[in-house]
Amino acid sequence: MKRWKFFLLTCGLLSLPSLSFSVTDEEVYKLLQQLMNEVQELKQENQYLKKEIERLKSQQEKEIKEVKTEIAKNTKKEESGISSGFFSKGAYGAGKSKVDFYGFIKGDLIWQDSTSVGTVYLLWTLPKKQGGHDSTSTITFRHSRFGFDLTKPYNENFTIKGKFEMDFYTQSNSADYKPWNPQHAPLRARLAYLEILKNSWELRAGHDWMTIAQLYPHLSNFPAGSYMGNLAYRLTQIRLTKNFKLFDDDLLKVQVALDKPFNFGKLNSGLASFMDYEPDVDFGYPGLEARIAYHTKLFEKPALFALFGHYSGQEYKEDYKTLSGDKKTTSFSTGLELSLPIPFFKKYNPTLSGEFWYGQGLGGYYTAGIDQTARIKYWDNSEKKYVYATTLSNFDKNEDKIISITPVHAIGGWVELGFNPVPKLQTWVGWGIDNPLNSDLKGVKGARLQQQMYYAHFLYKFVSEFGVGLEYLRAITDYRKEDGDDGVVNRFMLSFYYFF
C-alpha cells in the first residue's frame, strides 16, 4: 500500500509544473529510479507467488490422486454404489487409516437330547448316569460378532494393518460380574492385533488364532470341534511370517511365533488371594509355535499342505503355603493339515480337508485331550491320602502338597467333506476324534477317555447378506463304567444369519 501511495505522489508532483516550488532533474531521476526498483521488486514477488500457487496446486493434485488410489485399492464398490469402509480420525499424531466394519448377527435355536458341559455350545457330554435322556433347549444371540479391519498403506511394499473383533461369550459367576445372565452377556475380545507387511515379510503382534493348526471344521456349534479332534484356539502371540513365491504362483509360507500359553487352569481362587499364580506364566518362558504351509492349485482349485508343532511349559509349586519346590512339566504338539479339491463331480465344488495331530499337555486353549492337560498327584491332608486329578479345584494350598505332574498324551484329528449341491446351499459333513492315552489318566475319577463327533451342517444363503443354517451334531464321550458309562448327545441347531 505504501508503494502505491509513493507512486501516486510522484505522479502528482510531476503533473504540477505551475506550483511555486521547483524540482531538479537529479531529484526527478532519483524518484524515477526508486520507482523502477519498486516495480522490479513487485514483479519478482508476483513471479514467486505464481510459482508458489503452481506448487500448491501440484501438491494438492498429487494428494488427491494418492487418496483416490488408496480408496480404489482398499475399498469395494457395492452394487448400490455405497463404498465400503471409512477413515479413522488419526489419534496420537497418526495419520488417517482406512477402516472396514464387518460381522454378522446370528440367532440360534438349540435342542439336544442329553445334558452336556455347555448349553449354548457343546464341549463334551456327561456320563450316561448323569445326563442321559435329559433333554435341553435354549435360544441365544451370543454367537453374533463384529469387528474392524484397519489399513494404512504407504506404498505397494509396505502396509500396516490392525484388527479388533468382539463377540458376546464372556461368562463369569464371580463377584466381579454379578449379576450375570445370558440375556445381557458382556463383550469379549476375540481378536486384537497389529500387523506390519514389508515385501514378503509379515510381523503380527496381539491376540489371534494360534499359529499351529489353522484349518477349522465348518461347525455352527461355537467351539468348532474343540475337544472333539480340532486342535488349537486363540492365544496372545508375536508371529513372524516369511512368504516364498514359487513357480506357477505357488506359495510357501513359513511362520514362527512366541505365545502366552493357556493350557493349565489356575489353582482354586483361594490361592490367588495375594498373587495371581498361573502355571503357564510361572514357567518363565513363552511358548513356541511353528508352521510350514504350501499353497498351490490342484485341478484348477486351491489346495493346501501344512506341517506344524509347538512347545511350552508350566510350573507348579510343591508347597504353596511356603511357595517352595518347583514342579515343572511341558506341552508339545506335532501335526499336519490339508485341504484338497476332489476331481470328481466338479459342478458341486467338493473339497476334502482335515488335520491329524499328536502331543501332550494339550488341555485349555490347545483344545485337545478333552481338556485334561496333566494328571496331578497330590497329598490330600484332610483325607489323609493321595489324590489323582486333572484340576486342582479341591486342592487346599495351606494343607495339601503336590507330589508329581504327568502330562496327558493324546492323539486325534478330523476330516470334512464340503460341497455345494445347489448354488446357494453350502454343505459340510465330517467326523473327528480326541483320544487321550488312558494310562495317563489312571486313578483320575471321572476321566474322559475319548470323544468323537459326527456332524452335518447346511447353510442356505437366500441373498449374500441373509442365510439360514441347520446343523446336526452327535458327540460321544467315553467314561469308565464306574464313572457312569459313556455319554451320548444328539444336538440340533437352527440358525439365522445377517452378514454385513
Protein backbone atom coordinates (compact mmCIF):
# COMPACT_ATOMS: atom_id res chain seq x y z
CA MET A 1 0.00 0.00 0.00
CA LYS A 2 2.84 2.37 0.87
CA ARG A 3 4.42 1.73 -2.51
CA TRP A 4 1.26 2.67 -4.37
CA LYS A 5 0.94 5.90 -2.32
CA PHE A 6 4.52 6.77 -3.19
CA PHE A 7 3.83 6.11 -6.88
CA LEU A 8 0.74 8.36 -6.90
CA LEU A 9 2.52 11.11 -5.02
CA THR A 10 5.36 11.10 -7.54
CA CYS A 11 2.96 11.27 -10.50
CA GLY A 12 1.16 14.14 -8.83
CA LEU A 13 4.31 16.12 -8.29
CA LEU A 14 5.36 15.67 -11.88
CA SER A 15 1.98 16.81 -13.13
CA LEU A 16 2.07 20.12 -11.24
CA PRO A 17 4.65 22.32 -13.05
CA SER A 18 2.87 25.57 -12.17
CA LEU A 19 3.42 25.29 -8.44
CA SER A 20 5.73 27.71 -6.69
CA PHE A 21 8.40 25.14 -5.85
CA SER A 22 10.86 23.60 -8.30
CA VAL A 23 12.22 20.07 -8.75
CA THR A 24 15.68 19.48 -10.15
CA ASP A 25 16.46 16.91 -12.87
CA GLU A 26 18.59 14.96 -10.44
CA GLU A 27 15.75 14.63 -7.94
CA VAL A 28 13.34 13.53 -10.69
CA TYR A 29 15.85 10.92 -11.81
CA LYS A 30 16.24 9.59 -8.29
CA LEU A 31 12.47 9.34 -7.89
CA LEU A 32 12.12 7.52 -11.19
CA GLN A 33 14.98 5.17 -10.33
CA GLN A 34 13.40 4.36 -6.95
CA LEU A 35 10.08 3.79 -8.68
CA MET A 36 11.62 1.39 -11.17
CA ASN A 37 13.26 -0.55 -8.35
CA GLU A 38 9.91 -0.84 -6.58
CA VAL A 39 8.24 -2.08 -9.77
CA GLN A 40 11.00 -4.67 -10.26
CA GLU A 41 10.54 -5.92 -6.70
CA LEU A 42 6.78 -6.19 -7.31
CA LYS A 43 7.43 -8.25 -10.44
CA GLN A 44 9.75 -10.60 -8.56
CA GLU A 45 7.24 -11.05 -5.74
CA ASN A 46 4.49 -11.66 -8.26
CA GLN A 47 6.60 -14.29 -10.01
CA TYR A 48 7.34 -16.01 -6.68
CA LEU A 49 3.63 -16.03 -5.78
CA LYS A 50 2.78 -17.58 -9.14
CA LYS A 51 5.34 -20.35 -8.62
CA GLU A 52 4.09 -20.98 -5.08
CA ILE A 53 0.50 -21.21 -6.30
CA GLU A 54 1.54 -23.67 -9.01
CA ARG A 55 3.47 -25.75 -6.46
CA LEU A 56 0.48 -25.86 -4.07
CA LYS A 57 -1.84 -26.83 -6.91
CA SER A 58 0.52 -29.60 -7.98
CA GLN A 59 0.86 -30.86 -4.40
CA GLN A 60 -2.91 -30.81 -3.93
CA GLU A 61 -3.47 -32.72 -7.17
CA LYS A 62 -0.87 -35.29 -6.07
CA GLU A 63 -2.52 -35.74 -2.66
CA ILE A 64 -5.96 -36.09 -4.25
CA LYS A 65 -4.54 -38.67 -6.66
CA GLU A 66 -2.95 -40.61 -3.77
CA VAL A 67 -6.23 -40.61 -1.82
CA LYS A 68 -8.14 -41.79 -4.89
CA THR A 69 -5.57 -44.54 -5.47
CA GLU A 70 -5.76 -45.62 -1.82
CA ILE A 71 -9.55 -45.72 -1.91
CA ALA A 72 -9.51 -47.64 -5.19
CA LYS A 73 -7.12 -50.22 -3.74
CA ASN A 74 -8.74 -50.65 -0.34
CA THR A 75 -12.48 -50.19 -0.80
CA LYS A 76 -15.01 -52.24 -2.69
CA LYS A 77 -17.84 -50.73 -4.65
CA GLU A 78 -21.18 -52.39 -3.90
CA GLU A 79 -23.94 -52.63 -6.49
CA SER A 80 -25.86 -49.97 -4.61
CA GLY A 81 -22.98 -47.58 -5.18
CA ILE A 82 -22.02 -47.39 -1.49
CA SER A 83 -18.29 -47.50 -0.90
CA SER A 84 -17.36 -49.79 1.99
CA GLY A 85 -15.05 -48.51 4.66
CA PHE A 86 -14.33 -45.15 6.25
CA PHE A 87 -11.30 -43.43 7.74
CA SER A 88 -10.13 -43.14 11.32
CA LYS A 89 -9.57 -39.76 12.93
CA GLY A 90 -5.86 -40.31 13.35
CA ALA A 91 -5.12 -40.09 17.07
CA TYR A 92 -1.82 -39.54 18.91
CA GLY A 93 -0.33 -37.69 15.97
CA ALA A 94 -1.01 -40.53 13.48
CA GLY A 95 -2.41 -40.10 10.00
CA LYS A 96 -5.76 -41.45 8.94
CA SER A 97 -6.26 -45.19 8.40
CA LYS A 98 -8.92 -46.91 6.36
CA VAL A 99 -11.48 -48.80 8.48
CA ASP A 100 -13.82 -51.60 7.39
CA PHE A 101 -16.65 -52.56 9.73
CA TYR A 102 -17.84 -56.16 9.37
CA GLY A 103 -19.53 -59.05 11.18
CA PHE A 104 -22.77 -60.98 11.43
CA ILE A 105 -25.83 -61.13 13.65
CA LYS A 106 -26.82 -64.71 14.48
CA GLY A 107 -29.80 -66.14 16.32
CA ASP A 108 -29.74 -69.84 17.30
CA LEU A 109 -32.45 -72.25 18.39
CA ILE A 110 -30.81 -75.30 20.01
CA TRP A 111 -32.20 -78.63 21.22
CA GLN A 112 -30.32 -81.70 22.41
CA ASP A 113 -31.49 -84.99 23.88
CA SER A 114 -29.00 -85.19 26.77
CA THR A 115 -27.17 -82.77 29.03
CA SER A 116 -23.56 -81.78 28.41
CA VAL A 117 -20.87 -79.40 29.52
CA GLY A 118 -22.12 -76.29 27.77
CA THR A 119 -25.64 -75.39 26.67
CA VAL A 120 -25.30 -72.60 24.07
CA TYR A 121 -22.31 -74.60 22.86
CA LEU A 122 -21.19 -78.17 23.48
CA LEU A 123 -17.73 -79.10 24.83
CA TRP A 124 -18.25 -82.70 25.95
CA THR A 125 -21.07 -84.94 27.08
CA LEU A 126 -21.70 -86.07 30.65
CA PRO A 127 -21.69 -89.73 31.71
CA LYS A 128 -24.87 -91.62 30.89
CA LYS A 129 -25.92 -91.85 34.54
CA GLN A 130 -25.67 -88.05 34.90
CA GLY A 131 -27.05 -86.66 31.68
CA GLY A 132 -28.66 -89.45 29.70
CA HIS A 133 -32.04 -88.59 28.12
CA ASP A 134 -32.32 -85.30 29.99
CA SER A 135 -33.08 -83.04 27.03
CA THR A 136 -32.30 -79.31 26.98
CA SER A 137 -33.16 -76.37 24.73
CA THR A 138 -32.16 -72.75 24.50
CA ILE A 139 -32.21 -69.69 22.23
CA THR A 140 -29.16 -67.48 22.04
CA PHE A 141 -27.67 -64.50 20.22
CA ARG A 142 -24.19 -64.85 21.67
CA HIS A 143 -22.53 -66.22 18.53
CA SER A 144 -23.01 -62.81 16.88
CA ARG A 145 -19.88 -60.79 16.36
CA PHE A 146 -18.50 -57.59 14.86
CA GLY A 147 -15.06 -56.27 14.01
CA PHE A 148 -12.94 -53.54 12.49
CA ASP A 149 -10.18 -54.03 9.91
CA LEU A 150 -7.73 -51.13 9.78
CA THR A 151 -5.34 -50.49 6.88
CA LYS A 152 -2.62 -47.89 6.36
CA PRO A 153 -0.76 -48.44 3.05
CA TYR A 154 2.41 -46.44 2.47
CA ASN A 155 3.40 -47.98 -0.83
CA GLU A 156 2.96 -51.27 -2.64
CA ASN A 157 5.68 -52.88 -0.50
CA PHE A 158 4.84 -51.53 2.95
CA THR A 159 1.49 -51.63 4.77
CA ILE A 160 0.38 -51.50 8.40
CA LYS A 161 -2.81 -53.32 9.39
CA GLY A 162 -4.82 -53.89 12.53
CA LYS A 163 -7.89 -55.81 13.66
CA PHE A 164 -10.40 -55.68 16.51
CA GLU A 165 -13.07 -58.37 16.71
CA MET A 166 -15.62 -58.87 19.51
CA ASP A 167 -18.35 -61.33 20.42
CA PHE A 168 -20.63 -61.99 23.40
CA TYR A 169 -19.20 -65.11 25.01
CA THR A 170 -17.92 -63.59 28.24
CA GLN A 171 -19.34 -65.53 31.17
CA SER A 172 -18.46 -65.42 34.85
CA ASN A 173 -20.23 -66.15 38.07
CA SER A 174 -17.62 -64.40 40.19
CA ALA A 175 -18.48 -61.47 42.40
CA ASP A 176 -16.89 -59.08 39.91
CA TYR A 177 -19.52 -59.83 37.27
CA LYS A 178 -22.68 -60.49 39.26
CA PRO A 179 -25.49 -60.28 38.43
CA TRP A 180 -24.71 -62.09 35.17
CA ASN A 181 -27.22 -63.73 32.85
CA PRO A 182 -27.16 -64.74 29.18
CA GLN A 183 -29.68 -62.07 28.21
CA HIS A 184 -27.10 -59.30 28.57
CA ALA A 185 -23.80 -61.08 28.03
CA PRO A 186 -20.90 -58.58 28.04
CA LEU A 187 -18.50 -58.20 25.16
CA ARG A 188 -15.43 -60.38 24.78
CA ALA A 189 -12.28 -59.70 22.76
CA ARG A 190 -11.88 -62.40 20.07
CA LEU A 191 -9.07 -60.80 18.07
CA ALA A 192 -6.91 -57.74 18.68
CA TYR A 193 -3.63 -57.43 16.81
CA LEU A 194 -1.47 -55.23 14.62
CA GLU A 195 0.37 -56.41 11.53
CA ILE A 196 3.26 -54.99 9.52
CA LEU A 197 3.69 -56.15 5.91
CA LYS A 198 7.01 -55.38 4.25
CA ASN A 199 7.72 -57.05 0.91
CA SER A 200 7.50 -60.79 1.65
CA TRP A 201 7.69 -60.42 5.44
CA GLU A 202 4.84 -60.16 7.94
CA LEU A 203 5.01 -59.33 11.64
CA ARG A 204 1.86 -59.78 13.74
CA ALA A 205 1.54 -58.99 17.46
CA GLY A 206 -1.53 -59.37 19.65
CA HIS A 207 -4.38 -61.80 20.21
CA ASP A 208 -5.01 -64.04 17.20
CA TRP A 209 -5.72 -67.61 16.14
CA MET A 210 -2.84 -69.89 17.06
CA THR A 211 -0.08 -70.36 14.52
CA ILE A 212 -0.48 -74.14 14.59
CA ALA A 213 -3.48 -75.96 13.06
CA GLN A 214 -5.04 -73.07 11.15
CA LEU A 215 -7.76 -75.12 9.43
CA TYR A 216 -11.08 -75.43 11.26
CA PRO A 217 -14.10 -77.65 10.57
CA HIS A 218 -17.25 -75.81 9.48
CA LEU A 219 -19.49 -76.14 12.52
CA SER A 220 -22.25 -73.87 13.77
CA ASN A 221 -21.52 -75.16 17.29
CA PHE A 222 -19.32 -72.31 18.53
CA PRO A 223 -16.13 -74.18 19.66
CA ALA A 224 -15.78 -75.64 16.12
CA GLY A 225 -14.78 -79.14 17.18
CA SER A 226 -12.72 -78.25 20.27
CA TYR A 227 -12.04 -81.36 22.41
CA MET A 228 -13.50 -83.41 19.54
CA GLY A 229 -10.46 -83.57 17.28
CA ASN A 230 -9.85 -79.94 16.31
CA LEU A 231 -6.60 -78.67 17.80
CA ALA A 232 -5.83 -75.03 18.73
CA TYR A 233 -7.76 -71.88 19.55
CA ARG A 234 -6.65 -68.25 20.05
CA LEU A 235 -3.64 -67.03 22.04
CA THR A 236 -1.74 -63.77 22.51
CA GLN A 237 1.41 -64.03 20.42
CA ILE A 238 4.14 -62.38 18.36
CA ARG A 239 4.35 -64.05 14.95
CA LEU A 240 6.87 -63.67 12.13
CA THR A 241 5.96 -64.89 8.63
CA LYS A 242 8.12 -65.24 5.52
CA ASN A 243 6.42 -65.83 2.17
CA PHE A 244 8.32 -67.55 -0.63
CA LYS A 245 6.73 -67.24 -4.07
CA LEU A 246 7.44 -70.34 -6.12
CA PHE A 247 6.71 -71.38 -9.69
CA ASP A 248 3.16 -71.03 -11.09
CA ASP A 249 2.22 -68.63 -8.27
CA ASP A 250 2.64 -71.35 -5.63
CA LEU A 251 3.38 -70.03 -2.16
CA LEU A 252 5.47 -71.45 0.68
CA LYS A 253 4.61 -69.79 3.99
CA VAL A 254 6.97 -70.23 6.96
CA GLN A 255 5.76 -69.00 10.35
CA VAL A 256 7.22 -68.93 13.87
CA ALA A 257 5.64 -67.38 16.95
CA LEU A 258 6.18 -66.75 20.64
CA ASP A 259 2.94 -67.08 22.60
CA LYS A 260 1.42 -66.88 26.05
CA PRO A 261 0.20 -70.45 26.63
CA PHE A 262 -3.05 -71.24 28.38
CA ASN A 263 -3.47 -74.94 28.92
CA PHE A 264 -3.30 -75.32 32.71
CA GLY A 265 -6.02 -73.52 34.60
CA LYS A 266 -5.26 -71.52 37.71
CA LEU A 267 -5.46 -73.15 41.08
CA ASN A 268 -8.53 -72.60 43.22
CA SER A 269 -9.41 -68.99 43.95
CA GLY A 270 -8.04 -69.10 47.49
CA LEU A 271 -4.53 -69.41 46.09
CA ALA A 272 -4.83 -66.11 44.26
CA SER A 273 -5.64 -64.11 47.39
CA PHE A 274 -2.35 -62.22 47.27
CA MET A 275 -0.82 -63.16 43.92
CA ASP A 276 -2.12 -64.36 40.58
CA TYR A 277 -0.48 -67.76 40.08
CA GLU A 278 -0.67 -69.10 36.55
CA PRO A 279 1.45 -72.19 35.85
CA ASP A 280 1.98 -71.11 32.24
CA VAL A 281 3.42 -67.77 33.37
CA ASP A 282 5.45 -69.15 36.26
CA PHE A 283 7.39 -71.37 33.85
CA GLY A 284 9.37 -68.26 32.95
CA TYR A 285 9.49 -68.60 29.15
CA PRO A 286 6.92 -68.05 26.39
CA GLY A 287 5.60 -70.88 24.28
CA LEU A 288 6.94 -71.52 20.78
CA GLU A 289 4.85 -72.34 17.69
CA ALA A 290 5.87 -73.07 14.10
CA ARG A 291 4.11 -73.91 10.85
CA ILE A 292 5.18 -74.52 7.24
CA ALA A 293 2.39 -74.34 4.67
CA TYR A 294 2.46 -74.96 0.93
CA HIS A 295 -0.33 -73.25 -1.03
CA THR A 296 -0.87 -74.45 -4.58
CA LYS A 297 -3.57 -75.44 -7.06
CA LEU A 298 -4.87 -78.86 -7.97
CA PHE A 299 -7.44 -79.36 -10.71
CA GLU A 300 -7.55 -75.54 -11.02
CA LYS A 301 -8.71 -75.18 -7.38
CA PRO A 302 -6.81 -74.01 -4.25
CA ALA A 303 -5.01 -76.71 -2.24
CA LEU A 304 -3.05 -76.66 1.00
CA PHE A 305 -0.48 -78.90 2.70
CA ALA A 306 0.93 -77.87 6.10
CA LEU A 307 3.08 -79.18 8.97
CA PHE A 308 3.00 -77.62 12.43
CA GLY A 309 4.16 -78.00 16.03
CA HIS A 310 4.53 -76.21 19.35
CA TYR A 311 6.37 -76.40 22.68
CA SER A 312 5.59 -74.73 26.02
CA GLY A 313 5.98 -75.38 29.71
CA GLN A 314 4.24 -75.00 33.06
CA GLU A 315 5.40 -74.74 36.65
CA TYR A 316 3.61 -75.52 39.89
CA LYS A 317 4.83 -75.27 43.46
CA GLU A 318 5.10 -78.40 45.56
CA ASP A 319 4.11 -76.44 48.67
CA TYR A 320 2.01 -73.34 48.05
CA LYS A 321 1.99 -72.44 51.73
CA THR A 322 5.73 -71.75 51.65
CA LEU A 323 5.95 -71.29 47.84
CA SER A 324 8.72 -73.86 47.65
CA GLY A 325 9.57 -76.81 45.43
CA ASP A 326 9.14 -76.31 41.68
CA LYS A 327 7.15 -78.91 39.75
CA LYS A 328 7.61 -78.42 36.02
CA THR A 329 6.07 -80.13 33.04
CA THR A 330 5.85 -79.48 29.30
CA SER A 331 3.36 -79.36 26.46
CA PHE A 332 4.04 -80.11 22.81
CA SER A 333 2.24 -81.00 19.61
CA THR A 334 3.12 -82.04 16.08
CA GLY A 335 0.72 -82.49 13.21
CA LEU A 336 -0.31 -81.94 9.63
CA GLU A 337 -3.28 -80.41 7.87
CA LEU A 338 -4.52 -80.38 4.30
CA SER A 339 -7.26 -79.09 2.05
CA LEU A 340 -7.71 -80.78 -1.34
CA PRO A 341 -10.18 -80.30 -4.17
CA ILE A 342 -11.75 -83.51 -5.42
CA PRO A 343 -11.58 -84.05 -9.20
CA PHE A 344 -15.00 -85.72 -9.37
CA PHE A 345 -18.44 -84.06 -9.55
CA LYS A 346 -16.77 -80.71 -10.19
CA LYS A 347 -20.04 -78.85 -10.53
CA TYR A 348 -20.59 -79.40 -6.78
CA ASN A 349 -17.15 -77.96 -5.83
CA PRO A 350 -16.20 -80.84 -3.50
CA THR A 351 -13.29 -80.25 -1.10
CA LEU A 352 -11.72 -82.64 1.37
CA SER A 353 -9.97 -81.08 4.38
CA GLY A 354 -8.73 -82.13 7.79
CA GLU A 355 -5.88 -82.44 10.26
CA PHE A 356 -4.05 -85.06 12.28
CA TRP A 357 -2.01 -84.38 15.43
CA TYR A 358 -0.21 -85.94 18.40
CA GLY A 359 1.15 -84.40 21.60
CA GLN A 360 0.96 -83.98 25.35
CA GLY A 361 -0.37 -81.38 27.80
CA LEU A 362 -2.98 -80.19 25.31
CA GLY A 363 -5.85 -79.05 27.53
CA GLY A 364 -7.12 -75.49 27.86
CA TYR A 365 -6.77 -73.37 24.74
CA TYR A 366 -4.93 -76.10 22.89
CA THR A 367 -8.43 -77.67 22.90
CA ALA A 368 -7.35 -81.32 22.98
CA GLY A 369 -7.04 -84.16 25.47
CA ILE A 370 -10.73 -83.41 26.20
CA ASP A 371 -9.40 -80.59 28.41
CA GLN A 372 -7.22 -82.89 30.53
CA THR A 373 -3.74 -81.41 30.42
CA ALA A 374 -1.99 -83.48 33.08
CA ARG A 375 -2.57 -85.97 35.85
CA ILE A 376 -1.62 -84.26 39.09
CA LYS A 377 -0.84 -86.38 42.12
CA TYR A 378 -1.13 -84.53 45.43
CA TRP A 379 -1.43 -85.33 49.12
CA ASP A 380 -4.90 -84.52 50.48
CA ASN A 381 -4.18 -83.79 54.12
CA SER A 382 -7.84 -83.73 55.15
CA GLU A 383 -8.48 -87.18 53.65
CA LYS A 384 -5.02 -88.46 54.54
CA LYS A 385 -4.50 -89.98 51.11
CA TYR A 386 -3.04 -89.38 47.67
CA VAL A 387 -5.42 -87.94 45.07
CA TYR A 388 -5.09 -88.07 41.27
CA ALA A 389 -6.83 -85.25 39.38
CA THR A 390 -6.61 -83.17 36.21
CA THR A 391 -7.73 -79.99 38.04
CA LEU A 392 -6.92 -78.57 41.45
CA SER A 393 -10.39 -77.31 42.35
CA ASN A 394 -10.29 -79.25 45.62
CA PHE A 395 -6.65 -78.51 46.39
CA ASP A 396 -6.04 -76.75 49.74
CA LYS A 397 -2.96 -74.56 49.40
CA ASN A 398 -2.47 -74.41 53.18
CA GLU A 399 -2.59 -78.15 53.82
CA ASP A 400 -2.12 -80.16 50.60
CA LYS A 401 1.10 -80.73 48.68
CA ILE A 402 1.74 -81.58 45.03
CA ILE A 403 3.72 -84.79 44.59
CA SER A 404 4.04 -85.15 40.81
CA ILE A 405 2.64 -83.91 37.49
CA THR A 406 2.36 -86.22 34.48
CA PRO A 407 1.29 -84.63 31.17
CA VAL A 408 -1.51 -86.47 29.39
CA HIS A 409 -0.62 -87.69 25.91
CA ALA A 410 -3.31 -87.54 23.22
CA ILE A 411 -3.82 -88.23 19.53
CA GLY A 412 -6.61 -87.06 17.27
CA GLY A 413 -7.84 -85.15 14.26
CA TRP A 414 -10.80 -84.55 12.00
CA VAL A 415 -11.83 -84.92 8.37
CA GLU A 416 -14.51 -83.00 6.45
CA LEU A 417 -16.14 -83.05 3.04
CA GLY A 418 -17.55 -79.76 1.78
CA PHE A 419 -19.66 -79.30 -1.34
CA ASN A 420 -22.44 -77.24 -2.94
CA PRO A 421 -25.41 -79.41 -4.00
CA VAL A 422 -27.16 -76.29 -5.38
CA PRO A 423 -25.65 -72.84 -6.00
CA LYS A 424 -26.93 -71.19 -2.79
CA LEU A 425 -26.50 -74.17 -0.46
CA GLN A 426 -23.20 -74.93 1.28
CA THR A 427 -22.89 -78.35 2.92
CA TRP A 428 -20.27 -79.89 5.20
CA VAL A 429 -20.20 -83.37 6.70
CA GLY A 430 -17.42 -84.60 8.95
CA TRP A 431 -16.02 -86.68 11.77
CA GLY A 432 -13.45 -86.02 14.50
CA ILE A 433 -11.79 -87.75 17.44
CA ASP A 434 -9.85 -86.67 20.53
CA ASN A 435 -8.22 -89.67 22.21
CA PRO A 436 -6.14 -89.19 25.40
CA LEU A 437 -3.86 -92.02 26.50
CA ASN A 438 -5.88 -93.96 29.07
CA SER A 439 -2.87 -94.99 31.14
CA ASP A 440 -2.03 -91.30 31.72
CA LEU A 441 -5.45 -90.92 33.38
CA LYS A 442 -5.11 -93.87 35.73
CA GLY A 443 -6.70 -93.15 39.09
CA VAL A 444 -8.44 -89.95 37.94
CA LYS A 445 -12.10 -90.02 38.95
CA GLY A 446 -14.46 -89.10 36.10
CA ALA A 447 -11.69 -89.18 33.49
CA ARG A 448 -12.81 -88.62 29.90
CA LEU A 449 -11.18 -91.39 27.89
CA GLN A 450 -12.19 -90.46 24.33
CA GLN A 451 -14.59 -88.19 22.45
CA GLN A 452 -15.88 -88.37 18.88
CA MET A 453 -18.08 -86.10 16.81
CA TYR A 454 -20.20 -86.72 13.71
CA TYR A 455 -21.84 -83.74 12.05
CA ALA A 456 -23.72 -82.39 9.07
CA HIS A 457 -24.01 -78.63 8.58
CA PHE A 458 -26.15 -76.90 5.93
CA LEU A 459 -26.13 -73.16 5.18
CA TYR A 460 -28.53 -71.73 2.61
CA LYS A 461 -27.97 -68.10 1.55
CA PHE A 462 -31.14 -66.56 0.12
CA VAL A 463 -29.10 -63.45 -0.66
CA SER A 464 -25.47 -62.68 0.15
CA GLU A 465 -26.49 -60.95 3.38
CA PHE A 466 -29.10 -63.38 4.74
CA GLY A 467 -28.78 -67.09 5.38
CA VAL A 468 -30.39 -69.93 7.33
CA GLY A 469 -28.36 -72.80 8.77
CA LEU A 470 -29.23 -76.23 10.10
CA GLU A 471 -26.76 -78.47 11.92
CA TYR A 472 -26.84 -81.96 13.38
CA LEU A 473 -24.03 -82.87 15.79
CA ARG A 474 -23.60 -86.21 17.56
CA ALA A 475 -20.99 -86.30 20.33
CA ILE A 476 -19.90 -89.49 22.12
CA THR A 477 -17.69 -89.29 25.22
CA ASP A 478 -16.20 -92.45 26.72
CA TYR A 479 -16.06 -92.92 30.50
CA ARG A 480 -15.22 -95.88 32.74
CA LYS A 481 -18.14 -97.98 33.88
CA GLU A 482 -17.64 -96.95 37.49
CA ASP A 483 -17.78 -93.25 36.45
CA GLY A 484 -21.21 -93.58 34.84
CA ASP A 485 -20.57 -95.13 31.42
CA ASP A 486 -20.35 -93.41 28.03
CA GLY A 487 -22.33 -90.25 27.33
CA VAL A 488 -24.07 -89.52 24.01
CA VAL A 489 -25.65 -86.25 22.83
CA ASN A 490 -27.66 -85.65 19.66
CA ARG A 491 -27.79 -81.90 19.07
CA PHE A 492 -29.86 -79.92 16.55
CA MET A 493 -29.23 -76.25 15.80
CA LEU A 494 -31.30 -73.86 13.66
CA SER A 495 -29.52 -70.59 12.90
CA PHE A 496 -30.42 -67.29 11.22
CA TYR A 497 -27.67 -65.03 9.90
CA TYR A 498 -27.40 -61.43 8.77
CA PHE A 499 -23.93 -60.86 7.30
CA PHE A 500 -22.61 -57.33 7.00
